[in-house]
Amino acid sequence: MARMHIQYEAAFADYLKHRGVSYVPVDETRRSMFAGAKIKSFDFLVYPKQGAPWIVDVKGRKFPYVSNTGSKRYWENWVSQADLKGLAEWQAVFGEDFEPRFVFAYWLGGDPDRWPVGEPYAFGENLYAFLSASLADYRQHCRQRSSKWQTVSVPRRHFVQIAKPIGDNGL
């Protein structure tokens, strides 16, 4: 099973189930080996009603993220270098008929006027927005965020162009 104790993945799975979208959660306890090296696991195989199946890595973020100093940051979208590499390797395993994608599951808070476009999804006592970006689009626009933590992110101006509500992607 996917790590359903993680609220973001559980909310996304519930969204897919509610929409009647076929999906397979990944068993996190069975780490795979590929050519002698571990591949970072993804979270779901998703089968949209139209188009190629998705290899999905869910990234849960608060919207807005409130720092220790109280400042608010919107559109947090960082991922690790291992996330990028892992999705690319999984696409090589599954083949070109599968599309690797990040799904950013935003736990919505703050001013609703600043929320992403689309209808919020209620799960438990929280509201979520799910946006998806293809690995190719993300890679094209990402920049190093932290060399220490080996993370990258896409500048906001590009992210809002490449990340679309998942309902706009056939889900």
Foldseek 3Di string as FASTA:
>chain_A
DFPCVPPLLVLVVVVCVVVVWDKDFDDCVDFDADPNHTQDAATMFTDFPDAAIEREHEAEDEAFDQDPVRDTDGDDDKDAPSVLVRQVVVCVVVDPSYWYKYKYKYFYDDDPVPDDDDDWDDDDNTTIFIWMATSVLFVVAWDDDDPVRRMIGGPPVSCSVRIGGVVVVRD
